[in-house]
Amino acid sequence: MAVNSYLGFLADKSGDTDAALMTATQFLETIIADNAITYAYDKQQREWTFSYYANNACYTLLHWSRIQPSLVPRWKFDQRKPKERWEYGQKLLTEAVDRFERVLRSPAKPIPNNYVYKNL
């Protein structure tokens, strides 16, 4: 089962720390004032939003790889350009979904008991 990437468009960013801090401030001011973010605004603020989404994906995969290492591959930290970082996370997610699908389709291999939410 393939999982499609949808945030690669945000990877087109400069990596400038000052720009990221400025866009983070603007983004947070807008979310507080309007309680909504549009696709266009998300893209406009990509200096910060890309890292927010990519880091969220990374730490979610790390969390689940500790709980269910047989299903979720562990994120390996390395210096990656933004698009490479997103594609790497997408690759790990696709692998996790494929592993989970194989377990679900295999009547001989039930999901291990430690699948329950623990250490949250």
N, C-alpha and C. Protein backbone atom coordinates (compact mmCIF):
# COMPACT_ATOMS: atom_id res chain seq x y z
N MET A 1 0.85 -1.17 0.00
CA MET A 1 0.00 0.00 0.00
C MET A 1 0.89 1.23 0.00
N ALA A 2 0.76 2.05 -0.98
CA ALA A 2 1.59 3.26 -1.09
C ALA A 2 0.96 4.40 -0.29
N VAL A 3 1.80 5.19 0.33
CA VAL A 3 1.37 6.38 1.04
C VAL A 3 1.92 7.57 0.27
N ASN A 4 1.05 8.46 -0.15
CA ASN A 4 1.49 9.58 -0.97
C ASN A 4 2.01 10.73 -0.13
N SER A 5 3.07 11.36 -0.61
CA SER A 5 3.62 12.54 0.04
C SER A 5 2.83 13.75 -0.39
N TYR A 6 2.49 14.62 0.53
CA TYR A 6 1.75 15.81 0.17
C TYR A 6 2.40 17.09 0.69
N LEU A 7 3.48 17.01 1.42
CA LEU A 7 4.12 18.21 1.94
C LEU A 7 5.43 18.53 1.26
N GLY A 8 5.77 17.81 0.21
CA GLY A 8 7.01 18.10 -0.50
C GLY A 8 7.07 19.51 -1.03
N PHE A 9 5.90 20.12 -1.28
CA PHE A 9 5.89 21.49 -1.78
C PHE A 9 6.49 22.48 -0.79
N LEU A 10 6.49 22.16 0.47
CA LEU A 10 7.06 23.06 1.48
C LEU A 10 8.57 22.95 1.56
N ALA A 11 9.14 21.91 0.95
CA ALA A 11 10.59 21.68 1.05
C ALA A 11 11.39 22.69 0.25
N ASP A 12 10.74 23.45 -0.58
CA ASP A 12 11.42 24.48 -1.37
C ASP A 12 11.61 25.72 -0.50
N LYS A 13 12.58 25.65 0.39
CA LYS A 13 12.84 26.74 1.33
C LYS A 13 14.33 27.04 1.36
N SER A 14 14.69 28.20 1.90
CA SER A 14 16.09 28.62 1.88
C SER A 14 16.91 28.02 3.01
N GLY A 15 16.27 27.73 4.14
CA GLY A 15 17.01 27.24 5.30
C GLY A 15 17.57 28.37 6.15
N ASP A 16 17.23 29.60 5.84
CA ASP A 16 17.69 30.77 6.58
C ASP A 16 17.02 30.82 7.95
N THR A 17 17.80 30.78 9.02
CA THR A 17 17.26 30.76 10.38
C THR A 17 16.45 32.01 10.69
N ASP A 18 16.93 33.19 10.29
CA ASP A 18 16.18 34.42 10.55
C ASP A 18 14.83 34.40 9.86
N ALA A 19 14.80 33.91 8.63
CA ALA A 19 13.53 33.81 7.90
C ALA A 19 12.60 32.82 8.58
N ALA A 20 13.16 31.74 9.08
CA ALA A 20 12.34 30.74 9.77
C ALA A 20 11.72 31.32 11.04
N LEU A 21 12.50 32.08 11.81
CA LEU A 21 11.97 32.69 13.03
C LEU A 21 10.90 33.73 12.71
N MET A 22 11.13 34.52 11.66
CA MET A 22 10.14 35.52 11.26
C MET A 22 8.83 34.84 10.81
N THR A 23 8.94 33.80 9.99
CA THR A 23 7.73 33.15 9.51
C THR A 23 7.03 32.39 10.64
N ALA A 24 7.79 31.88 11.60
CA ALA A 24 7.17 31.21 12.75
C ALA A 24 6.32 32.20 13.53
N THR A 25 6.86 33.38 13.75
CA THR A 25 6.12 34.42 14.48
C THR A 25 4.86 34.81 13.71
N GLN A 26 4.99 35.04 12.42
CA GLN A 26 3.83 35.40 11.59
C GLN A 26 2.78 34.29 11.58
N PHE A 27 3.25 33.06 11.45
CA PHE A 27 2.34 31.92 11.43
C PHE A 27 1.56 31.82 12.73
N LEU A 28 2.27 31.91 13.86
CA LEU A 28 1.62 31.79 15.16
C LEU A 28 0.67 32.96 15.42
N GLU A 29 1.05 34.17 15.01
CA GLU A 29 0.16 35.32 15.16
C GLU A 29 -1.13 35.10 14.37
N THR A 30 -1.01 34.57 13.17
CA THR A 30 -2.18 34.32 12.33
C THR A 30 -3.06 33.23 12.91
N ILE A 31 -2.46 32.15 13.38
CA ILE A 31 -3.26 31.05 13.94
C ILE A 31 -3.99 31.50 15.20
N ILE A 32 -3.35 32.34 16.00
CA ILE A 32 -4.00 32.84 17.22
C ILE A 32 -5.12 33.81 16.86
N ALA A 33 -4.86 34.70 15.90
CA ALA A 33 -5.87 35.70 15.53
C ALA A 33 -7.04 35.10 14.76
N ASP A 34 -6.76 34.20 13.83
CA ASP A 34 -7.80 33.70 12.94
C ASP A 34 -8.26 32.27 13.23
N ASN A 35 -7.49 31.53 14.02
CA ASN A 35 -7.78 30.13 14.33
C ASN A 35 -7.93 29.29 13.05
N ALA A 36 -7.19 29.66 12.03
CA ALA A 36 -7.23 28.91 10.77
C ALA A 36 -6.00 29.26 9.93
N ILE A 37 -5.53 28.28 9.18
CA ILE A 37 -4.42 28.48 8.25
C ILE A 37 -4.84 27.88 6.91
N THR A 38 -4.66 28.63 5.85
CA THR A 38 -4.99 28.14 4.52
C THR A 38 -3.76 27.50 3.88
N TYR A 39 -4.00 26.75 2.83
CA TYR A 39 -2.91 26.14 2.08
C TYR A 39 -1.94 27.21 1.59
N ALA A 40 -2.46 28.28 1.02
CA ALA A 40 -1.60 29.34 0.48
C ALA A 40 -0.73 29.96 1.57
N TYR A 41 -1.31 30.20 2.75
CA TYR A 41 -0.54 30.80 3.84
C TYR A 41 0.49 29.81 4.38
N ASP A 42 0.11 28.56 4.48
CA ASP A 42 1.03 27.51 4.90
C ASP A 42 2.25 27.49 3.98
N LYS A 43 2.00 27.55 2.69
CA LYS A 43 3.09 27.55 1.72
C LYS A 43 3.93 28.82 1.81
N GLN A 44 3.29 29.93 2.00
CA GLN A 44 4.00 31.21 2.12
C GLN A 44 4.95 31.21 3.32
N GLN A 45 4.57 30.54 4.37
CA GLN A 45 5.37 30.52 5.61
C GLN A 45 6.26 29.28 5.70
N ARG A 46 6.59 28.66 4.57
CA ARG A 46 7.28 27.38 4.54
C ARG A 46 8.66 27.37 5.19
N GLU A 47 9.29 28.52 5.37
CA GLU A 47 10.59 28.54 6.05
C GLU A 47 10.47 27.93 7.45
N TRP A 48 9.31 28.09 8.06
CA TRP A 48 9.09 27.51 9.37
C TRP A 48 8.19 26.28 9.31
N THR A 49 7.09 26.34 8.52
CA THR A 49 6.12 25.26 8.54
C THR A 49 6.71 23.94 8.07
N PHE A 50 7.62 23.97 7.10
CA PHE A 50 8.20 22.71 6.64
C PHE A 50 8.88 21.98 7.80
N SER A 51 9.72 22.69 8.54
CA SER A 51 10.42 22.05 9.65
C SER A 51 9.46 21.58 10.73
N TYR A 52 8.40 22.34 10.95
CA TYR A 52 7.38 21.93 11.93
C TYR A 52 6.80 20.58 11.53
N TYR A 53 6.35 20.45 10.29
CA TYR A 53 5.75 19.20 9.83
C TYR A 53 6.78 18.06 9.77
N ALA A 54 7.96 18.35 9.25
CA ALA A 54 8.99 17.32 9.12
C ALA A 54 9.44 16.82 10.49
N ASN A 55 9.63 17.73 11.45
CA ASN A 55 10.02 17.33 12.80
C ASN A 55 8.91 16.52 13.47
N ASN A 56 7.67 16.93 13.26
CA ASN A 56 6.55 16.18 13.81
C ASN A 56 6.55 14.76 13.27
N ALA A 57 6.76 14.60 11.97
CA ALA A 57 6.82 13.27 11.36
C ALA A 57 7.97 12.46 11.95
N CYS A 58 9.13 13.09 12.06
CA CYS A 58 10.32 12.42 12.61
C CYS A 58 10.06 11.91 14.02
N TYR A 59 9.58 12.78 14.89
CA TYR A 59 9.42 12.39 16.29
C TYR A 59 8.25 11.42 16.48
N THR A 60 7.25 11.49 15.62
CA THR A 60 6.16 10.51 15.67
C THR A 60 6.68 9.14 15.27
N LEU A 61 7.47 9.08 14.20
CA LEU A 61 8.07 7.80 13.79
C LEU A 61 9.01 7.26 14.87
N LEU A 62 9.80 8.13 15.49
CA LEU A 62 10.68 7.68 16.58
C LEU A 62 9.87 7.10 17.74
N HIS A 63 8.81 7.78 18.10
CA HIS A 63 7.95 7.32 19.20
C HIS A 63 7.40 5.93 18.89
N TRP A 64 6.81 5.77 17.71
CA TRP A 64 6.20 4.50 17.36
C TRP A 64 7.24 3.41 17.13
N SER A 65 8.44 3.77 16.71
CA SER A 65 9.47 2.76 16.52
C SER A 65 9.93 2.19 17.87
N ARG A 66 9.80 2.96 18.93
CA ARG A 66 10.12 2.45 20.27
C ARG A 66 9.02 1.52 20.77
N ILE A 67 7.78 1.86 20.47
CA ILE A 67 6.64 1.06 20.93
C ILE A 67 6.49 -0.21 20.09
N GLN A 68 6.71 -0.10 18.79
CA GLN A 68 6.47 -1.21 17.88
C GLN A 68 7.62 -1.33 16.87
N PRO A 69 8.81 -1.70 17.33
CA PRO A 69 9.98 -1.73 16.44
C PRO A 69 9.86 -2.72 15.29
N SER A 70 9.04 -3.74 15.44
CA SER A 70 8.90 -4.69 14.33
C SER A 70 8.05 -4.11 13.20
N LEU A 71 7.29 -3.09 13.49
CA LEU A 71 6.43 -2.48 12.46
C LEU A 71 6.94 -1.15 11.95
N VAL A 72 7.54 -0.36 12.82
CA VAL A 72 7.94 0.99 12.44
C VAL A 72 9.46 1.12 12.45
N PRO A 73 10.05 1.40 11.28
CA PRO A 73 11.51 1.56 11.24
C PRO A 73 11.94 2.81 12.00
N ARG A 74 13.12 2.75 12.58
CA ARG A 74 13.63 3.87 13.38
C ARG A 74 14.25 4.94 12.48
N TRP A 75 13.93 6.18 12.77
CA TRP A 75 14.50 7.33 12.05
C TRP A 75 15.98 7.41 12.36
N LYS A 76 16.80 7.49 11.33
CA LYS A 76 18.25 7.65 11.51
C LYS A 76 18.60 9.09 11.16
N PHE A 77 19.11 9.79 12.15
CA PHE A 77 19.44 11.20 11.95
C PHE A 77 20.66 11.36 11.06
N ASP A 78 20.59 12.31 10.18
CA ASP A 78 21.66 12.61 9.24
C ASP A 78 21.39 14.01 8.69
N GLN A 79 22.41 14.63 8.13
CA GLN A 79 22.22 15.93 7.49
C GLN A 79 21.54 15.69 6.14
N ARG A 80 20.32 16.17 6.02
CA ARG A 80 19.57 16.03 4.77
C ARG A 80 19.00 17.38 4.38
N LYS A 81 18.96 17.63 3.10
CA LYS A 81 18.30 18.83 2.59
C LYS A 81 16.81 18.67 2.85
N PRO A 82 16.06 19.78 2.88
CA PRO A 82 14.64 19.69 3.22
C PRO A 82 13.87 18.64 2.42
N LYS A 83 13.98 18.65 1.12
CA LYS A 83 13.22 17.69 0.32
C LYS A 83 13.67 16.26 0.63
N GLU A 84 14.97 16.04 0.81
CA GLU A 84 15.48 14.70 1.15
C GLU A 84 14.95 14.25 2.51
N ARG A 85 14.85 15.20 3.45
CA ARG A 85 14.34 14.87 4.79
C ARG A 85 12.89 14.42 4.70
N TRP A 86 12.10 15.16 3.91
CA TRP A 86 10.70 14.78 3.78
C TRP A 86 10.56 13.44 3.08
N GLU A 87 11.33 13.23 2.02
CA GLU A 87 11.26 11.97 1.28
C GLU A 87 11.72 10.79 2.15
N TYR A 88 12.71 11.01 3.01
CA TYR A 88 13.16 9.97 3.92
C TYR A 88 12.04 9.60 4.90
N GLY A 89 11.40 10.59 5.48
CA GLY A 89 10.29 10.33 6.39
C GLY A 89 9.15 9.62 5.67
N GLN A 90 8.89 10.03 4.45
CA GLN A 90 7.84 9.39 3.65
C GLN A 90 8.18 7.93 3.38
N LYS A 91 9.45 7.66 3.11
CA LYS A 91 9.91 6.28 2.88
C LYS A 91 9.69 5.42 4.12
N LEU A 92 10.04 5.96 5.30
CA LEU A 92 9.85 5.21 6.54
C LEU A 92 8.37 4.96 6.82
N LEU A 93 7.54 5.96 6.58
CA LEU A 93 6.11 5.80 6.80
C LEU A 93 5.54 4.75 5.86
N THR A 94 5.94 4.79 4.60
CA THR A 94 5.47 3.81 3.62
C THR A 94 5.89 2.40 4.06
N GLU A 95 7.12 2.27 4.54
CA GLU A 95 7.60 0.97 5.01
C GLU A 95 6.78 0.50 6.21
N ALA A 96 6.47 1.40 7.13
CA ALA A 96 5.67 1.03 8.30
C ALA A 96 4.27 0.59 7.88
N VAL A 97 3.66 1.30 6.96
CA VAL A 97 2.32 0.93 6.48
C VAL A 97 2.36 -0.43 5.79
N ASP A 98 3.38 -0.65 4.98
CA ASP A 98 3.53 -1.94 4.30
C ASP A 98 3.70 -3.08 5.31
N ARG A 99 4.52 -2.86 6.34
CA ARG A 99 4.73 -3.89 7.36
C ARG A 99 3.42 -4.19 8.10
N PHE A 100 2.72 -3.13 8.46
CA PHE A 100 1.46 -3.29 9.18
C PHE A 100 0.44 -4.04 8.32
N GLU A 101 0.39 -3.69 7.05
CA GLU A 101 -0.53 -4.38 6.13
C GLU A 101 -0.19 -5.88 6.05
N ARG A 102 1.10 -6.21 5.98
CA ARG A 102 1.49 -7.63 5.92
C ARG A 102 1.05 -8.37 7.18
N VAL A 103 1.19 -7.72 8.34
CA VAL A 103 0.76 -8.34 9.59
C VAL A 103 -0.75 -8.55 9.58
N LEU A 104 -1.49 -7.55 9.13
CA LEU A 104 -2.94 -7.67 9.11
C LEU A 104 -3.42 -8.76 8.15
N ARG A 105 -2.71 -8.94 7.07
CA ARG A 105 -3.11 -9.94 6.07
C ARG A 105 -2.63 -11.35 6.42
N SER A 106 -1.78 -11.49 7.39
CA SER A 106 -1.22 -12.78 7.75
C SER A 106 -1.96 -13.35 8.96
N PRO A 107 -2.79 -14.38 8.77
CA PRO A 107 -3.52 -14.94 9.91
C PRO A 107 -2.60 -15.66 10.89
N ALA A 108 -1.42 -16.04 10.45
CA ALA A 108 -0.50 -16.77 11.32
C ALA A 108 0.29 -15.85 12.24
N LYS A 109 0.31 -14.55 11.96
CA LYS A 109 1.12 -13.63 12.76
C LYS A 109 0.23 -12.53 13.34
N PRO A 110 -0.29 -12.73 14.54
CA PRO A 110 -1.09 -11.67 15.15
C PRO A 110 -0.21 -10.48 15.55
N ILE A 111 -0.83 -9.35 15.71
CA ILE A 111 -0.11 -8.16 16.17
C ILE A 111 0.36 -8.42 17.59
N PRO A 112 1.62 -8.17 17.89
CA PRO A 112 2.14 -8.43 19.25
C PRO A 112 1.35 -7.70 20.33
N ASN A 113 1.35 -8.29 21.53
CA ASN A 113 0.58 -7.72 22.65
C ASN A 113 1.03 -6.32 23.04
N ASN A 114 2.29 -5.98 22.76
CA ASN A 114 2.75 -4.65 23.18
C ASN A 114 2.31 -3.57 22.21
N TYR A 115 1.32 -3.84 21.36
CA TYR A 115 0.83 -2.85 20.42
C TYR A 115 0.05 -1.74 21.12
N VAL A 116 -0.41 -2.00 22.34
CA VAL A 116 -1.19 -1.01 23.05
C VAL A 116 -0.36 0.25 23.29
N TYR A 117 -1.05 1.35 23.46
CA TYR A 117 -0.39 2.62 23.73
C TYR A 117 0.27 2.56 25.10
N LYS A 118 1.57 2.72 25.12
CA LYS A 118 2.27 2.77 26.40
C LYS A 118 3.34 3.85 26.30
N ASN A 119 3.72 4.35 27.40
CA ASN A 119 4.75 5.40 27.46
C ASN A 119 4.36 6.63 26.66
N LEU A 120 3.09 6.95 26.61
CA LEU A 120 2.67 8.16 25.88
C LEU A 120 2.84 9.38 26.75
